Amino acid sequence: MSALVSPWKTYRRLLGFAKPYRTLLLMAVLGMLIEAAAGMGFLGLMSPITNNLVNPENINPWMPLAIIGLFLLRGAAGYLTDIGMGKAARSIARDLRVRVLSKYMRLPGQRFDAEPVPSMLVRLGSDSDQVAQAAIDAMKVVLQQSLQALGALVMMFIYSWQVTLAIFVLAPPLAWVMNKVAKRYRRISHRIQESSAELLQAADQALSSQQEVKIYGAQPTEMERYEGLANTNLRLAMKVESTRSISSGMVQLIGAVGLAALLFIAGHEASAGRLSVGDFVSLMMAMLTIIPALKQLTNVQNMTQRGIASAQRLFLVLDAADEVDSGQMPLGRAKGELEFRHVSARYEGQARLALEDISFIAKPGTVTAIVGRSGSGKSTLIKLIPRFYEIEAGQILLDGHPLQDYRLADLRRQIALVGQQVTLFNGSIAQNVAYGELHKRSAEQVDEAVAGANALEFVEQLPDGLQAQVGAKGGKLSGGQRQRLAIARAMLKDAPILILDEATAALDNESERLVQDALQKLMPDRTTLVIAHRLSTIEHADQVLVMDQGRIVERGTHQQLLALGGLYEHLYRMQFRESQD
């Protein structure tokens, strides 16, 4: 969806999210109608009460009781309105959050390169709340205050149509003010939401990297950056406040002019004998009811326009194209033969190819090692296999068929991934090993996987064993422990293709030994692709692909490549000298 879509179209689409809650909304509208009717009844009582005060012998003792009854009725109707509208608004916010997160999970990898996670969190948080406010809370104020003002106008018309018609000359300037205010709110609201996302991103960066910030004395730099963004956010917020205050003052000024006109015309009508004292008081009270209603209608513009701006941001996500998933070929368990045929790939917006003319075959039961300098394209290559990114040219085949022929879910069931940065989720060890579709596996299978990954020795030492909590992102465990749980997860999945992305690069010698031993148990009878940082760990690989600047520049076994005396031999000798030093 383009940001150029009109606010009304955006709002109309937004109202579509309210359809499941029509019963709640009808209940709320009924409450508003009762509120407005009670308000009209009160204004209707003011004329006879005032006239009776002029002539005390005509005072009716039931009138005060009638006023109490009307306000009780109005209070009950207000409760009905608040509950109906409140539940509908919060339910819409919930629905949007769930739908947008679900959409993010279906978007291709390029989206996560283009949009930082804090920006996504703003959309899921404040954007969703403000959309609910625009869709329902603002509607509540508009309907409530409009019905109140309409009821007051009807009562004014009943008492003196001449006076009421004279007041209508104020409508054009009032409409002009509200239109100008709406445009300004909408313009600023987009910028406020973008500013909030930048604020959250800066805070996330500083807090997530607090050790680096402290060790390099970067607190003043990070605080200066954050304070600058916070000041920008403050300036935008003050523009909103300024707009709201000025527009509110102008509406009240127009209302005061109307009240003065009413006094002048009503005085003339009363002197001509066409308006009683009671009718005059009722007209005054009706006018005084309309002025705050108009003020609230102007103030609600802020809420509405911010909600529409947020809705446009959310609809940009909801309207984005999903990952391409057009394959129809059924796939139970693959044999695991992978073939790259002249594959090229490019990151979105980049002129230079990330991979160029990549060709190789990885057969079941073999280990293919991928090595090269940093930035040579190793990680990009393996991300093409589960189709996190799409190729630009060539073909990748699994068991003789292009990856695009298979459904994404079926394709990804064939792959187990163990990376350098292990992802653990807040929960127990057992939940992290039997993650996702693996939760159906038996407790015995989970135990076997944990034991096979050499994780049992530290799991048994924990008070709660497999039910011990790992903390946010696995923060309660060491790097080696997290890595072994990732291997246990891969063992439990038992997929025919295994991808190891520098799985031991960040480990100490003892942890690396345990992890390597676990990997040796995991690798047999699978198609294994290893991105290797330490070349000494791939000496027994069936084939080694040496990459440089997105191309395969050498291939062969470890011994063949050493004998070749090329880039691989150079990298190996450098690492050997570093380890000797």
Protein backbone atom coordinates (compact mmCIF):
# COMPACT_ATOMS: atom_id res chain seq x y z
CA MET A 1 0.00 0.00 0.00
CA SER A 2 1.27 3.41 -0.90
CA ALA A 3 1.48 6.22 1.62
CA LEU A 4 -0.51 8.24 -0.97
CA VAL A 5 -3.70 6.26 -0.25
CA SER A 6 -6.31 8.70 1.00
CA PRO A 7 -7.04 8.84 4.75
CA TRP A 8 -10.67 7.97 4.11
CA LYS A 9 -9.76 4.78 2.19
CA THR A 10 -7.35 3.83 4.95
CA TYR A 11 -10.00 4.44 7.60
CA ARG A 12 -12.62 2.49 5.66
CA ARG A 13 -10.24 -0.47 5.41
CA LEU A 14 -9.52 -0.11 9.09
CA LEU A 15 -13.21 -0.33 9.93
CA GLY A 16 -13.19 -3.75 8.24
CA PHE A 17 -11.27 -5.03 11.30
CA ALA A 18 -14.28 -4.01 13.44
CA LYS A 19 -16.73 -6.34 11.65
CA PRO A 20 -16.27 -9.30 14.06
CA TYR A 21 -17.28 -6.98 16.93
CA ARG A 22 -20.50 -5.58 15.44
CA THR A 23 -22.60 -6.78 18.39
CA LEU A 24 -20.39 -4.94 20.88
CA LEU A 25 -20.46 -1.81 18.73
CA LEU A 26 -24.27 -1.91 18.31
CA MET A 27 -24.57 -2.21 22.09
CA ALA A 28 -22.31 0.83 22.46
CA VAL A 29 -24.29 2.85 19.87
CA LEU A 30 -27.51 2.01 21.74
CA GLY A 31 -25.88 3.37 24.91
CA MET A 32 -24.92 6.58 23.07
CA LEU A 33 -28.48 7.07 21.78
CA ILE A 34 -29.82 6.66 25.31
CA GLU A 35 -27.20 9.15 26.57
CA ALA A 36 -28.20 11.68 23.92
CA ALA A 37 -31.90 11.17 24.65
CA ALA A 38 -31.27 11.67 28.38
CA GLY A 39 -29.37 14.88 27.56
CA MET A 40 -32.29 16.11 25.44
CA GLY A 41 -34.68 15.24 28.26
CA PHE A 42 -32.61 17.30 30.71
CA LEU A 43 -32.60 20.30 28.33
CA GLY A 44 -36.33 19.84 27.88
CA LEU A 45 -36.87 20.05 31.64
CA MET A 46 -34.92 23.29 31.97
CA SER A 47 -37.66 25.44 30.41
CA PRO A 48 -40.55 24.37 32.70
CA ILE A 49 -38.28 24.34 35.77
CA THR A 50 -37.08 27.91 35.05
CA ASN A 51 -40.64 29.12 34.35
CA ASN A 52 -41.79 27.50 37.61
CA LEU A 53 -39.04 29.32 39.51
CA VAL A 54 -40.41 32.59 38.12
CA ASN A 55 -43.84 31.50 39.41
CA PRO A 56 -43.12 29.49 42.60
CA GLU A 57 -46.77 28.48 43.06
CA ASN A 58 -46.41 26.30 39.91
CA ILE A 59 -43.33 24.31 41.15
CA ASN A 60 -43.67 20.57 40.45
CA PRO A 61 -41.86 18.40 43.09
CA TRP A 62 -41.40 15.58 40.55
CA MET A 63 -39.06 17.61 38.35
CA PRO A 64 -35.94 17.28 40.59
CA LEU A 65 -36.59 13.52 40.81
CA ALA A 66 -36.88 13.40 37.02
CA ILE A 67 -33.45 15.05 36.72
CA ILE A 68 -31.90 12.42 39.05
CA GLY A 69 -33.56 9.64 37.02
CA LEU A 70 -32.23 11.06 33.75
CA PHE A 71 -28.66 11.20 35.07
CA LEU A 72 -28.91 7.64 36.43
CA LEU A 73 -30.09 6.51 33.00
CA ARG A 74 -27.29 8.46 31.35
CA GLY A 75 -24.68 6.88 33.66
CA ALA A 76 -25.89 3.34 32.90
CA ALA A 77 -25.93 4.08 29.17
CA GLY A 78 -22.39 5.53 29.41
CA TYR A 79 -21.17 2.32 31.07
CA LEU A 80 -22.73 0.29 28.25
CA THR A 81 -20.95 2.50 25.70
CA ASP A 82 -17.55 2.34 27.42
CA ILE A 83 -17.58 -1.45 27.81
CA GLY A 84 -18.72 -2.10 24.25
CA MET A 85 -16.30 0.32 22.63
CA GLY A 86 -13.40 -0.56 24.97
CA LYS A 87 -13.54 -4.30 24.33
CA ALA A 88 -13.91 -3.79 20.57
CA ALA A 89 -10.91 -1.42 20.45
CA ARG A 90 -8.61 -3.68 22.48
CA SER A 91 -9.71 -6.73 20.46
CA ILE A 92 -8.86 -4.94 17.20
CA ALA A 93 -5.40 -4.04 18.59
CA ARG A 94 -4.90 -7.71 19.55
CA ASP A 95 -6.01 -8.91 16.08
CA LEU A 96 -3.66 -6.48 14.33
CA ARG A 97 -0.67 -7.48 16.47
CA VAL A 98 -1.25 -11.17 15.75
CA ARG A 99 -1.82 -10.59 12.04
CA VAL A 100 1.22 -8.33 11.58
CA LEU A 101 3.57 -10.70 13.47
CA SER A 102 2.22 -13.60 11.42
CA LYS A 103 2.90 -11.57 8.26
CA TYR A 104 6.47 -10.74 9.34
CA MET A 105 7.10 -14.47 9.80
CA ARG A 106 6.06 -15.06 6.17
CA LEU A 107 8.16 -12.28 4.63
CA PRO A 108 11.38 -13.05 2.71
CA GLY A 109 14.82 -12.57 4.23
CA GLN A 110 15.40 -9.24 2.45
CA ARG A 111 12.72 -7.61 4.63
CA PHE A 112 14.78 -8.31 7.75
CA ASP A 113 17.82 -6.76 6.10
CA ALA A 114 15.85 -3.63 5.18
CA GLU A 115 13.89 -3.05 8.43
CA PRO A 116 15.49 -3.28 11.89
CA VAL A 117 13.69 -5.33 14.54
CA PRO A 118 13.02 -2.29 16.82
CA SER A 119 11.04 -0.71 13.97
CA MET A 120 9.00 -3.92 13.74
CA LEU A 121 8.37 -3.75 17.49
CA VAL A 122 7.01 -0.19 17.15
CA ARG A 123 4.53 -1.42 14.55
CA LEU A 124 3.49 -4.28 16.81
CA GLY A 125 3.27 -1.99 19.84
CA SER A 126 2.29 1.66 19.65
CA ASP A 127 1.13 1.51 16.01
CA SER A 128 -1.39 -1.23 16.82
CA ASP A 129 -2.65 0.66 19.87
CA GLN A 130 -3.10 3.91 17.94
CA VAL A 131 -4.90 2.12 15.13
CA ALA A 132 -7.38 0.76 17.68
CA GLN A 133 -7.80 4.28 19.05
CA ALA A 134 -8.49 5.61 15.55
CA ALA A 135 -10.89 2.82 14.65
CA ILE A 136 -12.94 2.70 17.84
CA ASP A 137 -11.96 5.17 20.58
CA ALA A 138 -12.05 8.12 18.16
CA MET A 139 -15.32 6.84 16.70
CA LYS A 140 -16.73 6.72 20.22
CA VAL A 141 -15.89 10.38 20.86
CA VAL A 142 -17.16 11.44 17.42
CA LEU A 143 -20.48 9.60 17.75
CA GLN A 144 -20.98 10.48 21.40
CA GLN A 145 -20.26 14.18 21.01
CA SER A 146 -22.05 14.44 17.65
CA LEU A 147 -25.21 12.91 19.12
CA GLN A 148 -24.95 15.23 22.12
CA ALA A 149 -24.55 18.27 19.85
CA LEU A 150 -27.33 17.08 17.52
CA GLY A 151 -29.68 16.54 20.46
CA ALA A 152 -28.91 20.03 21.75
CA LEU A 153 -29.51 21.48 18.26
CA VAL A 154 -32.88 19.71 18.02
CA MET A 155 -33.93 21.17 21.38
CA MET A 156 -32.77 24.63 20.26
CA PHE A 157 -34.79 24.27 17.06
CA ILE A 158 -37.90 23.29 19.06
CA TYR A 159 -37.61 26.37 21.28
CA SER A 160 -36.71 28.86 18.52
CA TRP A 161 -35.95 27.90 14.94
CA GLN A 162 -35.07 31.52 14.13
CA VAL A 163 -32.25 31.61 16.71
CA THR A 164 -30.99 28.12 15.71
CA LEU A 165 -30.77 28.96 12.01
CA ALA A 166 -28.82 32.12 12.82
CA ILE A 167 -26.19 30.01 14.63
CA PHE A 168 -25.57 27.88 11.49
CA VAL A 169 -23.54 30.68 9.86
CA LEU A 170 -20.71 29.45 12.14
CA ALA A 171 -20.55 26.04 10.41
CA PRO A 172 -18.24 27.01 7.45
CA PRO A 173 -15.44 28.57 9.56
CA LEU A 174 -15.68 25.63 11.97
CA ALA A 175 -15.32 23.10 9.13
CA TRP A 176 -12.36 25.04 7.72
CA VAL A 177 -10.53 24.94 11.08
CA MET A 178 -11.10 21.19 11.52
CA ASN A 179 -9.91 20.40 7.97
CA LYS A 180 -6.67 22.37 8.46
CA VAL A 181 -6.06 20.68 11.81
CA ALA A 182 -6.61 17.19 10.29
CA LYS A 183 -4.01 17.74 7.56
CA ARG A 184 -1.40 19.02 10.02
CA TYR A 185 -1.99 16.15 12.47
CA ARG A 186 -1.64 13.58 9.69
CA ARG A 187 1.65 15.07 8.45
CA ILE A 188 3.22 15.18 11.92
CA SER A 189 1.91 11.75 12.99
CA HIS A 190 3.91 9.89 10.31
CA ARG A 191 7.08 11.62 11.48
CA ILE A 192 6.38 10.90 15.16
CA GLN A 193 6.05 7.14 14.53
CA GLU A 194 9.27 7.05 12.49
CA SER A 195 11.00 9.02 15.26
CA SER A 196 9.72 6.53 17.90
CA ALA A 197 11.16 3.64 15.89
CA GLU A 198 14.56 5.37 15.67
CA LEU A 199 14.48 6.01 19.44
CA LEU A 200 13.77 2.35 20.16
CA GLN A 201 16.48 1.23 17.75
CA ALA A 202 19.10 3.49 19.39
CA ALA A 203 18.16 2.27 22.88
CA ASP A 204 18.18 -1.39 21.74
CA GLN A 205 21.63 -0.95 20.20
CA ALA A 206 23.11 0.71 23.30
CA LEU A 207 21.57 -1.72 25.80
CA SER A 208 22.32 -4.88 23.79
CA SER A 209 25.95 -3.81 23.39
CA GLN A 210 26.42 -2.39 26.90
CA GLN A 211 29.75 -4.19 27.40
CA GLU A 212 31.30 -2.66 24.27
CA VAL A 213 29.79 0.73 25.16
CA LYS A 214 31.41 0.63 28.59
CA ILE A 215 34.77 -0.78 27.59
CA TYR A 216 35.26 1.84 24.85
CA GLY A 217 33.93 4.70 26.97
CA ALA A 218 31.12 5.32 24.49
CA GLN A 219 28.42 6.23 27.03
CA PRO A 220 28.61 9.97 26.14
CA THR A 221 28.41 9.16 22.40
CA GLU A 222 25.41 6.86 22.80
CA MET A 223 23.68 9.29 25.16
CA GLU A 224 24.28 12.18 22.77
CA ARG A 225 22.76 10.17 19.91
CA TYR A 226 19.78 9.07 22.02
CA GLU A 227 19.22 12.57 23.43
CA GLY A 228 19.25 14.04 19.91
CA LEU A 229 16.58 11.55 18.77
CA ALA A 230 14.57 12.18 21.96
CA ASN A 231 14.70 15.94 21.33
CA THR A 232 13.43 15.43 17.78
CA ASN A 233 10.59 13.31 19.15
CA LEU A 234 9.83 16.01 21.73
CA ARG A 235 9.71 18.75 19.08
CA LEU A 236 7.26 16.75 17.01
CA ALA A 237 5.12 16.03 20.08
CA MET A 238 5.05 19.74 20.94
CA LYS A 239 3.90 20.54 17.40
CA VAL A 240 0.96 18.22 18.01
CA GLU A 241 0.22 19.89 21.36
CA SER A 242 0.49 23.33 19.80
CA THR A 243 -1.89 22.37 16.98
CA ARG A 244 -4.35 20.86 19.45
CA SER A 245 -4.29 23.90 21.73
CA ILE A 246 -4.62 26.52 18.97
CA SER A 247 -7.40 24.64 17.21
CA SER A 248 -9.23 24.10 20.49
CA GLY A 249 -8.96 27.83 21.27
CA MET A 250 -10.28 28.74 17.82
CA VAL A 251 -13.24 26.38 18.19
CA GLN A 252 -14.06 27.90 21.57
CA LEU A 253 -13.75 31.39 20.10
CA ILE A 254 -16.19 30.47 17.31
CA GLY A 255 -18.47 29.00 19.97
CA ALA A 256 -18.25 32.20 22.01
CA VAL A 257 -19.20 34.24 18.92
CA GLY A 258 -22.16 31.88 18.49
CA LEU A 259 -23.14 32.32 22.13
CA ALA A 260 -22.97 36.10 21.80
CA ALA A 261 -25.09 35.93 18.65
CA LEU A 262 -27.57 33.71 20.48
CA LEU A 263 -27.80 36.19 23.35
CA PHE A 264 -28.39 39.06 20.94
CA ILE A 265 -31.03 37.29 18.81
CA ALA A 266 -32.70 35.55 21.76
CA GLY A 267 -32.91 38.89 23.58
CA HIS A 268 -34.66 40.36 20.56
CA GLU A 269 -37.08 37.40 20.39
CA ALA A 270 -37.81 37.61 24.12
CA SER A 271 -38.53 41.36 23.96
CA ALA A 272 -40.96 40.66 21.11
CA GLY A 273 -42.77 38.16 23.35
CA ARG A 274 -41.88 35.13 21.22
CA LEU A 275 -39.52 33.54 23.80
CA SER A 276 -40.23 32.77 27.46
CA VAL A 277 -37.62 32.98 30.22
CA GLY A 278 -37.50 29.18 30.44
CA ASP A 279 -37.06 28.80 26.71
CA PHE A 280 -34.23 31.34 26.78
CA VAL A 281 -32.44 29.42 29.58
CA SER A 282 -32.88 26.13 27.69
CA LEU A 283 -31.41 27.70 24.54
CA MET A 284 -28.42 28.96 26.54
CA MET A 285 -27.80 25.56 28.14
CA ALA A 286 -28.11 23.80 24.77
CA MET A 287 -25.53 26.17 23.29
CA LEU A 288 -23.23 25.59 26.28
CA THR A 289 -23.61 21.84 25.66
CA ILE A 290 -22.59 22.19 22.01
CA ILE A 291 -19.35 24.19 22.64
CA PRO A 292 -17.48 21.48 24.68
CA ALA A 293 -18.77 18.85 22.23
CA LEU A 294 -17.21 20.81 19.36
CA LYS A 295 -13.98 21.17 21.35
CA GLN A 296 -13.77 17.39 21.88
CA LEU A 297 -14.49 16.78 18.21
CA THR A 298 -11.51 19.00 17.32
CA ASN A 299 -9.24 17.31 19.87
CA VAL A 300 -10.13 13.84 18.59
CA GLN A 301 -8.48 14.78 15.29
CA ASN A 302 -5.07 14.07 16.86
CA MET A 303 -6.10 10.56 17.86
CA THR A 304 -7.71 9.85 14.49
CA GLN A 305 -4.87 11.16 12.34
CA ARG A 306 -2.18 9.39 14.37
CA GLY A 307 -4.22 6.19 14.08
CA ILE A 308 -4.54 6.60 10.32
CA ALA A 309 -0.78 7.22 10.01
CA SER A 310 -0.15 4.06 12.07
CA ALA A 311 -2.67 2.11 9.99
CA GLN A 312 -0.82 3.08 6.82
CA ARG A 313 2.43 1.79 8.37
CA LEU A 314 0.76 -1.50 9.34
CA PHE A 315 -0.92 -1.93 5.97
CA LEU A 316 2.49 -1.50 4.29
CA VAL A 317 3.53 -4.68 6.12
CA LEU A 318 0.25 -6.55 5.55
CA ASP A 319 0.32 -5.72 1.82
CA ALA A 320 3.95 -6.79 1.33
CA ALA A 321 4.50 -9.90 -0.80
CA ASP A 322 4.99 -13.18 1.09
CA GLU A 323 7.88 -15.54 0.44
CA VAL A 324 7.32 -17.22 -2.93
CA ASP A 325 5.75 -20.60 -2.14
CA SER A 326 4.25 -21.93 -5.36
CA GLY A 327 5.70 -25.47 -5.28
CA GLN A 328 3.27 -28.37 -5.51
CA MET A 329 5.53 -31.44 -5.54
CA PRO A 330 5.03 -33.57 -2.40
CA LEU A 331 8.15 -34.31 -0.38
CA GLY A 332 8.21 -36.76 2.50
CA ARG A 333 11.84 -37.44 3.39
CA ALA A 334 14.43 -36.44 0.81
CA LYS A 335 17.47 -38.54 -0.06
CA GLY A 336 19.46 -35.34 0.36
CA GLU A 337 21.39 -34.91 -2.90
CA LEU A 338 22.00 -31.18 -3.44
CA GLU A 339 23.20 -29.71 -6.71
CA PHE A 340 24.04 -26.08 -7.49
CA ARG A 341 24.00 -25.32 -11.23
CA HIS A 342 25.53 -22.00 -12.23
CA VAL A 343 23.83 -20.20 -9.34
CA SER A 344 24.07 -16.42 -8.98
CA ALA A 345 22.44 -14.30 -6.26
CA ARG A 346 22.29 -10.65 -5.35
CA TYR A 347 21.17 -8.77 -2.24
CA GLU A 348 18.32 -6.36 -2.85
CA GLY A 349 19.55 -2.91 -3.88
CA GLN A 350 23.13 -4.09 -4.47
CA ALA A 351 24.78 -3.68 -7.87
CA ARG A 352 27.43 -6.35 -7.23
CA LEU A 353 26.50 -10.04 -7.20
CA ALA A 354 26.86 -11.74 -3.81
CA LEU A 355 27.34 -15.12 -5.53
CA GLU A 356 28.35 -15.73 -9.14
CA ASP A 357 28.24 -18.95 -11.19
CA ILE A 358 28.32 -21.40 -8.25
CA SER A 359 28.26 -25.08 -9.28
CA PHE A 360 28.84 -28.20 -7.14
CA ILE A 361 27.13 -31.42 -5.99
CA ALA A 362 26.81 -32.52 -2.35
CA LYS A 363 25.85 -36.21 -2.09
CA PRO A 364 24.15 -38.01 0.85
CA GLY A 365 26.63 -39.33 3.40
CA THR A 366 29.32 -36.78 2.44
CA VAL A 367 30.69 -33.65 4.05
CA THR A 368 31.13 -30.54 1.92
CA ALA A 369 33.22 -27.84 3.58
CA ILE A 370 32.92 -24.21 2.46
CA VAL A 371 35.83 -21.94 3.34
CA GLY A 372 37.08 -18.50 2.44
CA ARG A 373 37.84 -15.04 3.71
CA SER A 374 35.18 -13.04 5.54
CA GLY A 375 32.64 -11.66 3.06
CA SER A 376 33.41 -14.23 0.36
CA GLY A 377 29.77 -15.41 0.21
CA LYS A 378 29.85 -18.56 2.39
CA SER A 379 26.82 -17.68 4.56
CA THR A 380 24.90 -16.35 1.56
CA LEU A 381 25.36 -19.71 -0.18
CA ILE A 382 23.85 -21.78 2.61
CA LYS A 383 20.94 -19.35 3.09
CA LEU A 384 19.83 -20.20 -0.45
CA ILE A 385 19.22 -23.86 0.48
CA PRO A 386 16.24 -23.25 2.84
CA ARG A 387 15.27 -20.40 0.45
CA PHE A 388 15.76 -17.60 2.99
CA TYR A 389 16.90 -15.73 -0.12
CA GLU A 390 16.01 -16.36 -3.75
CA ILE A 391 18.55 -16.98 -6.52
CA GLU A 392 18.86 -14.59 -9.46
CA ALA A 393 20.13 -17.12 -12.02
CA GLY A 394 20.85 -20.84 -12.28
CA GLN A 395 19.22 -23.69 -10.34
CA ILE A 396 19.52 -25.42 -6.98
CA LEU A 397 18.21 -28.98 -7.10
CA LEU A 398 17.27 -31.37 -4.31
CA ASP A 399 17.02 -35.00 -5.43
CA GLY A 400 17.00 -33.82 -9.05
CA HIS A 401 14.19 -31.25 -8.75
CA PRO A 402 14.49 -27.44 -8.37
CA LEU A 403 13.87 -26.21 -4.82
CA GLN A 404 10.99 -24.04 -6.11
CA ASP A 405 9.05 -27.23 -7.04
CA TYR A 406 8.64 -28.12 -3.35
CA ARG A 407 6.44 -26.43 -0.77
CA LEU A 408 8.55 -24.27 1.55
CA ALA A 409 7.42 -26.09 4.70
CA ASP A 410 8.28 -29.50 3.18
CA LEU A 411 11.67 -28.24 1.97
CA ARG A 412 12.60 -26.79 5.35
CA ARG A 413 11.66 -30.04 7.12
CA GLN A 414 14.61 -31.63 5.28
CA ILE A 415 17.16 -29.24 6.83
CA ALA A 416 18.73 -28.96 10.28
CA LEU A 417 20.83 -25.87 11.00
CA VAL A 418 23.44 -25.30 13.69
CA GLY A 419 24.91 -21.81 13.56
CA GLN A 420 27.59 -19.86 15.39
CA GLN A 421 24.95 -17.71 17.09
CA VAL A 422 22.61 -20.25 18.68
CA THR A 423 19.00 -19.16 19.07
CA LEU A 424 17.35 -20.34 22.27
CA PHE A 425 13.92 -19.20 23.41
CA ASN A 426 12.73 -18.27 26.89
CA GLY A 427 11.59 -21.61 28.30
CA SER A 428 12.95 -24.92 29.53
CA ILE A 429 15.80 -26.97 28.04
CA ALA A 430 13.31 -29.64 26.95
CA GLN A 431 11.13 -27.04 25.19
CA ASN A 432 14.16 -25.66 23.36
CA VAL A 433 15.32 -29.08 22.18
CA ALA A 434 11.83 -30.24 21.16
CA TYR A 435 11.11 -26.90 19.49
CA GLY A 436 8.36 -26.17 16.95
CA GLU A 437 7.18 -29.28 15.10
CA LEU A 438 9.53 -31.37 17.27
CA HIS A 439 7.27 -30.91 20.34
CA LYS A 440 5.46 -34.13 19.33
CA ARG A 441 8.60 -36.22 19.92
CA SER A 442 8.62 -38.49 22.97
CA ALA A 443 10.50 -37.77 26.20
CA GLU A 444 12.77 -40.77 25.43
CA GLN A 445 13.72 -39.28 22.05
CA VAL A 446 14.52 -35.92 23.70
CA ASP A 447 16.70 -37.71 26.29
CA GLU A 448 18.58 -39.55 23.54
CA ALA A 449 19.19 -36.32 21.60
CA VAL A 450 20.49 -34.53 24.70
CA ALA A 451 22.79 -37.40 25.53
CA GLY A 452 24.00 -37.70 21.94
CA ALA A 453 24.89 -33.99 21.91
CA ASN A 454 27.11 -34.39 25.01
CA ALA A 455 24.73 -32.07 26.88
CA LEU A 456 23.70 -34.55 29.55
CA GLU A 457 26.77 -33.83 31.71
CA PHE A 458 25.69 -30.22 32.38
CA VAL A 459 21.90 -30.83 32.22
CA GLU A 460 22.11 -33.40 35.04
CA GLN A 461 23.89 -30.85 37.25
CA LEU A 462 21.01 -28.37 36.99
CA PRO A 463 18.43 -28.58 39.83
CA ASP A 464 15.50 -28.98 37.42
CA GLY A 465 17.32 -31.02 34.75
CA LEU A 466 15.59 -30.83 31.39
CA GLN A 467 12.94 -28.53 32.90
CA ALA A 468 15.55 -25.90 33.88
CA GLN A 469 14.87 -22.48 32.36
CA VAL A 470 17.46 -21.21 29.88
CA GLY A 471 16.57 -17.49 30.31
CA ALA A 472 16.09 -14.87 27.62
CA LYS A 473 18.10 -15.91 24.51
CA GLY A 474 19.67 -18.71 26.59
CA GLY A 475 21.45 -16.19 28.84
CA LYS A 476 21.72 -18.65 31.77
CA LEU A 477 23.92 -21.02 29.76
CA SER A 478 27.47 -20.78 28.43
CA GLY A 479 28.27 -20.63 24.72
CA GLY A 480 29.32 -24.30 24.62
CA GLN A 481 26.18 -25.40 26.47
CA ARG A 482 23.95 -23.46 24.07
CA GLN A 483 25.78 -24.97 21.12
CA ARG A 484 25.25 -28.51 22.39
CA LEU A 485 21.52 -27.86 22.84
CA ALA A 486 21.39 -26.66 19.23
CA ILE A 487 23.05 -29.94 18.18
CA ALA A 488 20.54 -31.88 20.32
CA ARG A 489 17.73 -30.06 18.50
CA ALA A 490 19.28 -31.01 15.15
CA MET A 491 19.67 -34.64 16.29
CA LEU A 492 16.03 -34.75 17.35
CA LYS A 493 14.96 -33.37 13.96
CA ASP A 494 16.97 -36.09 12.18
CA ALA A 495 16.84 -34.21 8.85
CA PRO A 496 18.64 -35.55 5.75
CA ILE A 497 20.51 -32.26 5.20
CA LEU A 498 22.68 -30.75 7.94
CA ILE A 499 24.11 -27.23 7.73
CA LEU A 500 26.84 -26.20 10.18
CA ASP A 501 27.60 -22.48 10.03
CA GLU A 502 30.90 -21.97 11.91
CA ALA A 503 29.41 -24.01 14.74
CA THR A 504 32.62 -24.07 16.82
CA ALA A 505 34.19 -20.73 15.89
CA ALA A 506 33.48 -18.96 19.19
CA LEU A 507 34.21 -21.85 21.59
CA ASP A 508 37.14 -22.62 23.86
CA ASN A 509 39.15 -25.80 23.30
CA GLU A 510 37.25 -27.95 25.83
CA SER A 511 33.82 -26.86 24.56
CA GLU A 512 34.97 -27.28 20.96
CA ARG A 513 36.09 -30.87 21.69
CA LEU A 514 32.68 -31.74 23.17
CA VAL A 515 30.82 -30.05 20.32
CA GLN A 516 33.01 -31.67 17.64
CA ASP A 517 32.45 -35.07 19.23
CA ALA A 518 28.66 -34.44 19.19
CA LEU A 519 28.84 -33.34 15.55
CA GLN A 520 30.64 -36.56 14.58
CA LYS A 521 27.62 -38.49 15.90
CA LEU A 522 25.19 -36.19 14.05
CA MET A 523 26.85 -36.11 10.61
CA PRO A 524 26.83 -39.73 9.32
CA ASP A 525 24.31 -40.69 6.59
CA ARG A 526 23.40 -37.05 5.93
CA THR A 527 24.32 -34.46 3.36
CA THR A 528 26.45 -32.18 5.50
CA LEU A 529 27.57 -28.68 4.53
CA VAL A 530 30.09 -27.06 6.86
CA ILE A 531 31.16 -23.43 6.87
CA ALA A 532 34.50 -23.75 8.58
CA HIS A 533 36.42 -21.05 10.40
CA ARG A 534 39.13 -23.37 11.73
CA LEU A 535 40.46 -25.25 8.72
CA SER A 536 41.92 -27.95 10.94
CA THR A 537 38.36 -29.15 11.67
CA ILE A 538 37.64 -30.06 8.02
CA GLU A 539 40.66 -32.19 7.18
CA HIS A 540 38.41 -35.22 6.60
CA ALA A 541 35.77 -33.46 4.48
CA ASP A 542 34.89 -35.24 1.21
CA GLN A 543 35.21 -31.98 -0.70
CA VAL A 544 36.32 -28.46 0.17
CA LEU A 545 34.99 -25.44 -1.74
CA VAL A 546 37.22 -22.37 -1.47
CA MET A 547 35.31 -19.13 -2.06
CA ASP A 548 36.54 -15.63 -2.83
CA GLN A 549 34.44 -12.59 -3.82
CA GLY A 550 31.31 -14.69 -4.40
CA ARG A 551 32.94 -17.35 -6.61
CA ILE A 552 34.37 -20.84 -6.07
CA VAL A 553 38.05 -20.39 -6.87
CA GLU A 554 39.36 -23.80 -5.73
CA ARG A 555 37.87 -27.22 -4.95
CA GLY A 556 39.17 -30.61 -3.84
CA THR A 557 40.10 -32.50 -0.68
CA HIS A 558 42.16 -30.97 2.11
CA GLN A 559 45.34 -32.66 0.91
CA GLN A 560 44.74 -31.82 -2.76
CA LEU A 561 44.23 -28.13 -1.94
CA LEU A 562 47.35 -27.97 0.23
CA ALA A 563 49.34 -29.49 -2.63
CA LEU A 564 47.82 -26.95 -5.03
CA GLY A 565 49.50 -24.10 -3.17
CA GLY A 566 46.68 -21.61 -3.79
CA LEU A 567 44.35 -19.58 -1.57
CA TYR A 568 43.44 -22.55 0.67
CA GLU A 569 47.06 -23.36 1.35
CA HIS A 570 47.67 -19.67 2.16
CA LEU A 571 44.74 -19.54 4.62
CA TYR A 572 45.79 -22.83 6.23
CA ARG A 573 49.40 -21.74 6.74
CA MET A 574 48.26 -18.45 8.26
CA GLN A 575 46.03 -20.24 10.77
CA PHE A 576 48.77 -22.76 11.53
CA ARG A 577 51.25 -19.96 12.28
CA GLU A 578 48.66 -18.21 14.50
CA SER A 579 48.07 -21.39 16.50
CA GLN A 580 51.84 -21.93 16.84
CA ASP A 581 52.26 -18.36 18.09
